[in-house]
Each structure stands twice: as C-alpha cells, then as structure tokens.
Amino acid sequence: MGEGEILEQVQAVVADQLDRDDVALNMNTVAASVDGWDSLAHVRIMIAVEEEFGVRFDMSEITSLGNVGDLVRLIEAKQPS
C-alpha cells in the first residue's frame, strides 16, 4: 500500500472521528490546522488508525508525529512486507 492510498484512508478515519465530511488532508497538514482536531480527538484518531491499519503505535511514536505525512510514513513502515 502506497502513501497516496494510506493518506486517503487516514483522511477517511479523521473525517469519521471528527464527524466532518469536509476534511481535506495532505502530507503537510498539522492537527492544529484542522477544526476539531484537539488532544481528545487525537487520541480517538490514533486508536481508529491503529484499528483501520492493524498496527500498534507506542507513545514515543505518537508524540514524535509532526504532521500527517509523518503518520502516513509510520503506517507504511509498519505494514507487513
């Protein structure tokens, strides 16, 4: 699964968790620039992403994420070969 496909799925997860149809993410998007993506929503989004992709993140991985691109690359790295 490539970055583009992962990004589309992450966008769908975020839109679902924020209950918004107008979420548009790109690799440079930061949580603070998305209405409703606060700290509580971040926890829900990370759990939903883990479930969607069948991966697990540790706390250091989550806290090191700077933007959506970092999340996409982390998911890609955790995908089975």
C-alpha atoms as a PDB file:
ATOM      1  CA  MET A   1       0.000   0.000   0.000  1.00  0.00           C
ATOM      2  CA  GLY A   2       1.490   3.322  -1.065  1.00  0.00           C
ATOM      3  CA  GLU A   3       1.497   6.739   0.590  1.00  0.00           C
ATOM      4  CA  GLY A   4      -1.402   8.031  -1.502  1.00  0.00           C
ATOM      5  CA  GLU A   5      -3.642   5.138  -0.576  1.00  0.00           C
ATOM      6  CA  ILE A   6      -2.693   5.379   3.093  1.00  0.00           C
ATOM      7  CA  LEU A   7      -3.330   9.141   3.055  1.00  0.00           C
ATOM      8  CA  GLU A   8      -6.826   8.579   1.620  1.00  0.00           C
ATOM      9  CA  GLN A   9      -7.640   6.060   4.355  1.00  0.00           C
ATOM     10  CA  VAL A  10      -6.223   8.323   7.084  1.00  0.00           C
ATOM     11  CA  GLN A  11      -8.356  11.175   5.742  1.00  0.00           C
ATOM     12  CA  ALA A  12     -11.449   8.949   5.907  1.00  0.00           C
ATOM     13  CA  VAL A  13     -10.628   7.950   9.506  1.00  0.00           C
ATOM     14  CA  VAL A  14     -10.087  11.570  10.560  1.00  0.00           C
ATOM     15  CA  ALA A  15     -13.305  12.693   8.860  1.00  0.00           C
ATOM     16  CA  ASP A  16     -15.205   9.906  10.620  1.00  0.00           C
ATOM     17  CA  GLN A  17     -13.704  10.643  14.038  1.00  0.00           C
ATOM     18  CA  LEU A  18     -14.327  14.380  13.712  1.00  0.00           C
ATOM     19  CA  ASP A  19     -17.786  13.738  12.224  1.00  0.00           C
ATOM     20  CA  ARG A  20     -16.986  16.050   9.309  1.00  0.00           C
ATOM     21  CA  ASP A  21     -17.289  15.473   5.579  1.00  0.00           C
ATOM     22  CA  ASP A  22     -15.127  18.434   4.598  1.00  0.00           C
ATOM     23  CA  VAL A  23     -11.775  17.259   5.988  1.00  0.00           C
ATOM     24  CA  ALA A  24      -9.020  17.626   3.401  1.00  0.00           C
ATOM     25  CA  LEU A  25      -5.605  16.373   4.462  1.00  0.00           C
ATOM     26  CA  ASN A  26      -2.263  16.410   2.720  1.00  0.00           C
ATOM     27  CA  MET A  27       1.176  15.248   3.805  1.00  0.00           C
ATOM     28  CA  ASN A  28       1.945  18.644   5.388  1.00  0.00           C
ATOM     29  CA  THR A  29      -1.304  19.008   7.353  1.00  0.00           C
ATOM     30  CA  VAL A  30      -0.867  19.508  11.106  1.00  0.00           C
ATOM     31  CA  ALA A  31      -3.583  18.710  13.637  1.00  0.00           C
ATOM     32  CA  ALA A  32      -3.827  22.338  14.782  1.00  0.00           C
ATOM     33  CA  SER A  33      -4.940  23.378  11.280  1.00  0.00           C
ATOM     34  CA  VAL A  34      -7.959  21.030  11.280  1.00  0.00           C
ATOM     35  CA  ASP A  35     -11.056  22.283  13.100  1.00  0.00           C
ATOM     36  CA  GLY A  36     -11.969  19.919  15.910  1.00  0.00           C
ATOM     37  CA  TRP A  37      -8.650  18.021  15.958  1.00  0.00           C
ATOM     38  CA  ASP A  38      -7.820  18.669  19.595  1.00  0.00           C
ATOM     39  CA  SER A  39      -5.998  16.435  22.081  1.00  0.00           C
ATOM     40  CA  LEU A  40      -9.031  14.263  22.819  1.00  0.00           C
ATOM     41  CA  ALA A  41      -9.790  13.853  19.120  1.00  0.00           C
ATOM     42  CA  HIS A  42      -6.115  12.976  18.567  1.00  0.00           C
ATOM     43  CA  VAL A  43      -6.412  10.014  20.939  1.00  0.00           C
ATOM     44  CA  ARG A  44      -9.567   8.803  19.172  1.00  0.00           C
ATOM     45  CA  ILE A  45      -7.943   9.258  15.763  1.00  0.00           C
ATOM     46  CA  MET A  46      -4.806   7.316  16.735  1.00  0.00           C
ATOM     47  CA  ILE A  47      -6.891   4.418  18.103  1.00  0.00           C
ATOM     48  CA  ALA A  48      -9.048   4.391  14.971  1.00  0.00           C
ATOM     49  CA  VAL A  49      -5.954   4.476  12.734  1.00  0.00           C
ATOM     50  CA  GLU A  50      -4.464   1.541  14.628  1.00  0.00           C
ATOM     51  CA  GLU A  51      -7.687  -0.412  14.116  1.00  0.00           C
ATOM     52  CA  GLU A  52      -8.028   0.576  10.452  1.00  0.00           C
ATOM     53  CA  PHE A  53      -4.497  -0.464   9.510  1.00  0.00           C
ATOM     54  CA  GLY A  54      -3.979  -3.290  12.013  1.00  0.00           C
ATOM     55  CA  VAL A  55      -0.927  -1.627  13.564  1.00  0.00           C
ATOM     56  CA  ARG A  56       0.110  -0.518  17.041  1.00  0.00           C
ATOM     57  CA  PHE A  57       1.923   2.694  17.937  1.00  0.00           C
ATOM     58  CA  ASP A  58       3.914   3.265  21.078  1.00  0.00           C
ATOM     59  CA  MET A  59       3.728   6.581  22.893  1.00  0.00           C
ATOM     60  CA  SER A  60       7.091   7.815  21.599  1.00  0.00           C
ATOM     61  CA  GLU A  61       5.961   7.234  18.010  1.00  0.00           C
ATOM     62  CA  ILE A  62       2.740   9.160  18.567  1.00  0.00           C
ATOM     63  CA  THR A  63       4.443  12.094  20.273  1.00  0.00           C
ATOM     64  CA  SER A  64       7.065  12.311  17.516  1.00  0.00           C
ATOM     65  CA  LEU A  65       4.471  12.858  14.782  1.00  0.00           C
ATOM     66  CA  GLY A  66       4.772  16.360  13.363  1.00  0.00           C
ATOM     67  CA  ASN A  67       2.245  16.168  10.546  1.00  0.00           C
ATOM     68  CA  VAL A  68       0.007  13.807   8.598  1.00  0.00           C
ATOM     69  CA  GLY A  69       2.926  12.808   6.377  1.00  0.00           C
ATOM     70  CA  ASP A  70       4.801  11.508   9.413  1.00  0.00           C
ATOM     71  CA  LEU A  71       1.758   9.413  10.321  1.00  0.00           C
ATOM     72  CA  VAL A  72       1.419   8.076   6.774  1.00  0.00           C
ATOM     73  CA  ARG A  73       5.107   7.095   6.668  1.00  0.00           C
ATOM     74  CA  LEU A  74       4.854   5.441  10.107  1.00  0.00           C
ATOM     75  CA  ILE A  75       1.857   3.394   8.955  1.00  0.00           C
ATOM     76  CA  GLU A  76       3.686   2.445   5.764  1.00  0.00           C
ATOM     77  CA  ALA A  77       6.742   1.315   7.764  1.00  0.00           C
ATOM     78  CA  LYS A  78       4.567  -0.882   9.986  1.00  0.00           C
ATOM     79  CA  GLN A  79       2.795  -2.623   7.105  1.00  0.00           C
ATOM     80  CA  PRO A  80       3.738  -6.257   6.579  1.00  0.00           C
ATOM     81  CA  SER A  81       6.135  -6.789   3.682  1.00  0.00           C
END
